[in-house]
Amino acid sequence: MGTFRLKFVLLSLCAAFLALFPARPALGDHVRFYADGLPPYAVLHDDGPPTGFAVELMGLMMHSIGEHFAPSDIKVLPWARAVHEVEIVPSSALIVLAQLPERLGRFKWVGPLDVIHIGAYARRRSGVKVERLEDLKRYSLGMVRNTSPIHIVVKALPGIEKNMVMLSGIPAQLRMLREGRVDVIVQALGATERMMGDEGMAAEDYRILYRFEPLTVYFGFNRNTDDELIDRLQSALDNFKKVDASGSSPYSRLRETYFGGTSPLDVEGAEGE
């Protein structure tokens, strides 16, 4: 057998052997990301894909480990449905998800991403008065179903469920408050104030009645997501949080572009499960 023919046979055998073991697709190609509006973490647009701190940070993390990510691939759903989808759809993830004790075993976590503050809002001239937490039981509350504010309110005030009007997302929550169809809403402070303008609401016409304990937020993944991808993303985030020669971290600098001159919240050492 000639040298050329021998090489051809060997190459053919190698190709046939490799065909038995197809290349493993990138882990990130299997993840479907979900989001709803929660500015500045996830900002929705009528004429383009979501943007925001969490969206951009996830893109940097995915690209740093050689995985595909594009904001245009994010599926936008109302919060209640998005949380439900990620809990039941394998290899899916939420761009932002508060870590609560009752959620720990229901998702896999990459983070912490940040800390958000939760408060109860009312119309300034509504006559609603809350001097202590128990006073909330006197009013109707507009709440977005299957979200962290519901969990913290129910935990703090057992039995308040009967006062709640369940809604699909923050825009509906704001409209109900604006129209006086509920007395109070409970929601993330920064996101609420940023979204009021979209609903034609002047922030000065509303006031914060009560502030709850802040919540730590993460990227939340379906519990069946490949552990290798979770570990690589966690390592990428940890590396972004390391202080470099500039005296700050890439994480801090990115956060400052979305939150202005405020200092990053102290979530560097928080632990997830």
Protein backbone atom coordinates (compact mmCIF):
# COMPACT_ATOMS: atom_id res chain seq x y z
CA MET A 1 0.00 0.00 0.00
CA GLY A 2 1.45 3.37 -1.03
CA THR A 3 2.28 6.06 1.51
CA PHE A 4 -0.48 8.36 0.24
CA ARG A 5 -3.08 5.59 0.36
CA LEU A 6 -1.99 4.61 3.88
CA LYS A 7 -2.37 8.20 5.09
CA PHE A 8 -5.80 8.43 3.48
CA VAL A 9 -6.96 5.23 5.21
CA LEU A 10 -5.63 6.41 8.59
CA LEU A 11 -7.33 9.80 8.25
CA SER A 12 -10.59 8.10 7.29
CA LEU A 13 -10.40 5.84 10.32
CA CYS A 14 -9.69 8.83 12.60
CA ALA A 15 -12.64 10.75 11.17
CA ALA A 16 -14.92 7.76 11.65
CA PHE A 17 -13.71 7.31 15.22
CA LEU A 18 -14.21 11.01 16.08
CA ALA A 19 -17.70 10.90 14.60
CA LEU A 20 -18.61 8.48 17.35
CA PHE A 21 -17.82 11.20 19.90
CA PRO A 22 -19.32 14.47 18.65
CA ALA A 23 -17.92 17.67 20.09
CA ARG A 24 -19.68 18.72 23.26
CA PRO A 25 -21.67 21.91 22.67
CA ALA A 26 -20.92 24.89 24.84
CA LEU A 27 -22.72 24.61 28.17
CA GLY A 28 -24.06 28.12 27.93
CA ASP A 29 -25.77 27.41 24.62
CA HIS A 30 -28.29 25.33 26.53
CA VAL A 31 -29.31 28.07 28.98
CA ARG A 32 -32.44 30.10 28.34
CA PHE A 33 -32.36 33.39 30.21
CA TYR A 34 -35.50 35.14 31.48
CA ALA A 35 -36.03 38.66 32.78
CA ASP A 36 -38.61 41.27 33.59
CA GLY A 37 -38.06 44.95 34.18
CA LEU A 38 -36.14 45.71 37.37
CA PRO A 39 -34.04 48.79 36.62
CA PRO A 40 -31.17 49.30 36.70
CA TYR A 41 -30.50 45.54 36.85
CA ALA A 42 -32.73 44.73 33.87
CA VAL A 43 -34.16 47.57 31.76
CA LEU A 44 -36.75 46.76 29.11
CA HIS A 45 -37.05 48.58 25.78
CA ASP A 46 -39.78 48.67 23.13
CA ASP A 47 -37.25 48.71 20.31
CA GLY A 48 -34.46 46.44 21.50
CA PRO A 49 -33.30 43.73 23.89
CA PRO A 50 -33.02 44.23 27.66
CA THR A 51 -30.06 46.17 29.01
CA GLY A 52 -28.89 46.91 32.53
CA PHE A 53 -26.29 46.11 35.14
CA ALA A 54 -27.20 42.44 35.59
CA VAL A 55 -27.59 41.89 31.84
CA GLU A 56 -24.20 43.38 31.05
CA LEU A 57 -22.53 41.60 33.95
CA MET A 58 -23.89 38.23 32.85
CA GLY A 59 -22.63 38.91 29.32
CA LEU A 60 -19.13 39.67 30.61
CA MET A 61 -19.14 36.55 32.77
CA MET A 62 -20.37 34.26 30.00
CA HIS A 63 -17.93 35.62 27.44
CA SER A 64 -15.03 35.38 29.92
CA ILE A 65 -15.55 31.61 30.17
CA GLY A 66 -16.02 31.17 26.42
CA GLU A 67 -19.80 30.77 26.44
CA HIS A 68 -22.35 32.43 24.18
CA PHE A 69 -24.64 35.11 25.55
CA ALA A 70 -26.65 37.79 23.77
CA PRO A 71 -29.21 40.12 25.37
CA SER A 72 -31.44 39.52 22.35
CA ASP A 73 -31.76 35.88 23.48
CA ILE A 74 -33.32 36.89 26.82
CA LYS A 75 -37.00 35.99 27.02
CA VAL A 76 -39.00 38.77 28.70
CA LEU A 77 -41.90 37.63 30.87
CA PRO A 78 -43.85 39.11 33.79
CA TRP A 79 -42.02 38.40 37.05
CA ALA A 80 -44.48 35.84 38.37
CA ARG A 81 -44.31 33.75 35.22
CA ALA A 82 -40.54 34.16 34.79
CA VAL A 83 -39.84 32.80 38.29
CA HIS A 84 -42.22 29.90 37.66
CA GLU A 85 -40.62 29.09 34.28
CA VAL A 86 -37.09 29.00 35.69
CA GLU A 87 -38.20 26.74 38.51
CA ILE A 88 -39.64 24.13 36.13
CA VAL A 89 -37.68 24.52 32.84
CA PRO A 90 -34.30 22.71 32.84
CA SER A 91 -31.21 24.81 32.05
CA SER A 92 -32.95 28.14 32.43
CA ALA A 93 -32.00 31.18 34.48
CA LEU A 94 -33.31 34.47 35.81
CA ILE A 95 -31.17 37.55 35.35
CA VAL A 96 -32.04 38.70 38.89
CA LEU A 97 -33.51 36.63 41.73
CA ALA A 98 -33.61 37.40 45.45
CA GLN A 99 -32.26 34.60 47.59
CA LEU A 100 -34.80 33.64 50.24
CA PRO A 101 -34.59 30.73 52.71
CA GLU A 102 -37.59 29.04 51.08
CA ARG A 103 -35.95 29.30 47.64
CA LEU A 104 -32.52 27.90 48.51
CA GLY A 105 -33.11 24.34 47.37
CA ARG A 106 -35.35 25.29 44.46
CA PHE A 107 -32.67 27.05 42.40
CA LYS A 108 -28.93 27.11 41.85
CA TRP A 109 -27.24 30.40 42.60
CA VAL A 110 -24.44 32.50 41.17
CA GLY A 111 -23.64 35.60 43.16
CA PRO A 112 -24.17 37.60 45.17
CA LEU A 113 -24.98 40.21 42.57
CA ASP A 114 -26.13 43.05 44.80
CA VAL A 115 -28.40 44.01 47.69
CA ILE A 116 -31.82 45.56 47.07
CA HIS A 117 -33.99 47.49 49.50
CA ILE A 118 -37.71 46.79 49.79
CA GLY A 119 -40.29 49.32 50.91
CA ALA A 120 -44.03 49.94 51.19
CA TYR A 121 -45.31 52.86 49.08
CA ALA A 122 -48.53 54.88 49.25
CA ARG A 123 -49.91 57.97 47.54
CA ARG A 124 -48.77 61.00 49.50
CA ARG A 125 -52.29 62.43 49.87
CA SER A 126 -54.08 59.12 50.40
CA GLY A 127 -54.34 59.37 54.17
CA VAL A 128 -52.59 56.02 54.58
CA LYS A 129 -50.66 56.06 57.84
CA VAL A 130 -48.22 53.41 59.04
CA GLU A 131 -46.46 53.96 62.34
CA ARG A 132 -45.62 50.30 62.89
CA LEU A 133 -45.60 47.26 60.64
CA GLU A 134 -48.91 45.93 61.98
CA ASP A 135 -50.65 49.03 60.60
CA LEU A 136 -50.29 47.62 57.08
CA LYS A 137 -53.06 45.17 57.93
CA ARG A 138 -55.55 48.05 57.73
CA TYR A 139 -54.95 48.56 54.01
CA SER A 140 -55.14 46.80 50.67
CA LEU A 141 -51.77 45.81 49.23
CA GLY A 142 -50.95 45.43 45.54
CA MET A 143 -48.39 42.64 45.25
CA VAL A 144 -46.64 40.90 42.36
CA ARG A 145 -47.25 37.18 42.77
CA ASN A 146 -44.37 34.75 43.30
CA THR A 147 -41.87 37.48 44.16
CA SER A 148 -39.67 38.23 47.16
CA PRO A 149 -41.78 41.15 48.52
CA ILE A 150 -44.73 38.76 49.00
CA HIS A 151 -42.53 36.34 50.92
CA ILE A 152 -41.16 38.97 53.27
CA VAL A 153 -44.55 40.61 53.90
CA VAL A 154 -46.32 37.31 54.61
CA LYS A 155 -43.49 36.22 56.88
CA ALA A 156 -43.60 39.50 58.79
CA LEU A 157 -47.40 39.73 58.93
CA PRO A 158 -49.10 36.31 58.98
CA GLY A 159 -52.67 36.53 57.75
CA ILE A 160 -52.15 39.61 55.62
CA GLU A 161 -52.75 37.55 52.48
CA LYS A 162 -56.44 38.45 52.64
CA ASN A 163 -55.50 42.10 52.09
CA MET A 164 -53.46 41.37 48.97
CA VAL A 165 -54.41 42.03 45.37
CA MET A 166 -52.23 39.74 43.25
CA LEU A 167 -50.71 41.23 40.09
CA SER A 168 -48.47 40.03 37.27
CA GLY A 169 -45.74 42.67 37.30
CA ILE A 170 -44.45 46.01 38.58
CA PRO A 171 -46.17 48.14 35.88
CA ALA A 172 -49.58 46.72 36.87
CA GLN A 173 -48.67 47.29 40.50
CA LEU A 174 -47.84 50.94 39.86
CA ARG A 175 -51.02 51.55 37.85
CA MET A 176 -53.16 50.11 40.64
CA LEU A 177 -51.50 52.45 43.13
CA ARG A 178 -51.78 55.47 40.84
CA GLU A 179 -55.47 54.84 40.24
CA GLY A 180 -56.19 54.31 43.93
CA ARG A 181 -57.30 50.71 43.41
CA VAL A 182 -54.90 49.60 46.15
CA ASP A 183 -53.70 51.58 49.16
CA VAL A 184 -50.14 50.31 49.31
CA ILE A 185 -47.60 48.46 47.17
CA VAL A 186 -44.46 46.70 48.40
CA GLN A 187 -41.57 46.64 45.97
CA ALA A 188 -37.85 47.26 45.41
CA LEU A 189 -37.18 50.93 46.13
CA GLY A 190 -34.80 51.85 43.34
CA ALA A 191 -36.64 49.96 40.62
CA THR A 192 -40.00 51.38 41.66
CA GLU A 193 -38.80 54.97 41.53
CA ARG A 194 -37.16 54.44 38.14
CA MET A 195 -40.33 52.86 36.68
CA MET A 196 -42.77 55.46 38.01
CA GLY A 197 -41.91 57.83 35.18
CA ASP A 198 -42.85 55.18 32.61
CA GLU A 199 -46.33 55.09 34.16
CA GLY A 200 -46.75 58.87 34.24
CA MET A 201 -46.20 59.04 37.98
CA ALA A 202 -44.27 61.82 39.69
CA ALA A 203 -42.11 60.29 42.42
CA GLU A 204 -42.79 63.21 44.75
CA ASP A 205 -46.50 62.27 44.80
CA TYR A 206 -45.68 59.03 46.63
CA ARG A 207 -43.95 58.24 49.89
CA ILE A 208 -42.25 55.29 51.53
CA LEU A 209 -44.24 54.12 54.55
CA TYR A 210 -41.98 51.35 55.77
CA ARG A 211 -38.61 49.81 54.88
CA PHE A 212 -38.06 46.08 55.17
CA GLU A 213 -34.77 44.27 55.63
CA PRO A 214 -32.70 44.40 52.42
CA LEU A 215 -32.49 41.31 50.24
CA THR A 216 -29.45 39.84 48.52
CA VAL A 217 -29.95 39.13 44.82
CA TYR A 218 -28.26 36.56 42.62
CA PHE A 219 -28.45 35.07 39.17
CA GLY A 220 -30.92 32.22 39.73
CA PHE A 221 -30.64 29.01 37.69
CA ASN A 222 -32.92 26.02 37.37
CA ARG A 223 -31.73 23.34 39.78
CA ASN A 224 -30.93 20.93 36.90
CA THR A 225 -28.40 23.31 35.33
CA ASP A 226 -24.98 21.75 34.78
CA ASP A 227 -22.84 22.22 37.92
CA GLU A 228 -19.77 22.84 35.76
CA LEU A 229 -21.37 25.94 34.25
CA ILE A 230 -22.50 27.17 37.68
CA ASP A 231 -18.98 26.76 39.09
CA ARG A 232 -17.34 28.50 36.13
CA LEU A 233 -19.74 31.43 36.30
CA GLN A 234 -19.23 31.77 40.06
CA SER A 235 -15.46 31.82 39.54
CA ALA A 236 -15.84 34.44 36.81
CA LEU A 237 -17.92 36.67 39.11
CA ASP A 238 -15.47 36.21 41.97
CA ASN A 239 -12.64 37.27 39.67
CA PHE A 240 -14.55 40.35 38.51
CA LYS A 241 -14.90 41.39 42.15
CA LYS A 242 -11.15 41.28 42.81
CA VAL A 243 -9.50 44.67 43.25
CA ASP A 244 -6.96 45.36 40.50
CA ALA A 245 -4.16 47.86 40.01
CA SER A 246 -6.65 50.72 39.66
CA GLY A 247 -7.73 50.26 43.28
CA SER A 248 -11.20 49.02 42.39
CA SER A 249 -12.71 45.96 40.72
CA PRO A 250 -14.28 45.51 37.27
CA TYR A 251 -17.51 44.68 39.12
CA SER A 252 -17.42 47.96 41.08
CA ARG A 253 -16.65 50.02 37.98
CA LEU A 254 -19.48 48.43 36.04
CA ARG A 255 -21.89 48.94 38.92
CA GLU A 256 -20.94 52.62 39.16
CA THR A 257 -21.94 53.18 35.53
CA TYR A 258 -25.50 52.11 36.41
CA PHE A 259 -25.83 53.41 39.96
CA GLY A 260 -23.94 56.68 39.62
CA GLY A 261 -21.50 57.76 42.29
CA THR A 262 -22.90 55.50 45.00
CA SER A 263 -20.49 52.95 46.40
CA PRO A 264 -21.09 49.27 45.68
CA LEU A 265 -23.09 47.62 48.42
CA ASP A 266 -21.21 45.24 50.65
CA VAL A 267 -22.07 41.91 49.05
CA GLU A 268 -18.54 40.80 48.19
CA GLY A 269 -18.37 38.23 50.95
CA ALA A 270 -21.96 37.03 51.12
CA GLU A 271 -22.43 33.32 50.74
CA GLY A 272 -24.94 31.48 48.59
CA GLU A 273 -26.11 27.91 48.54
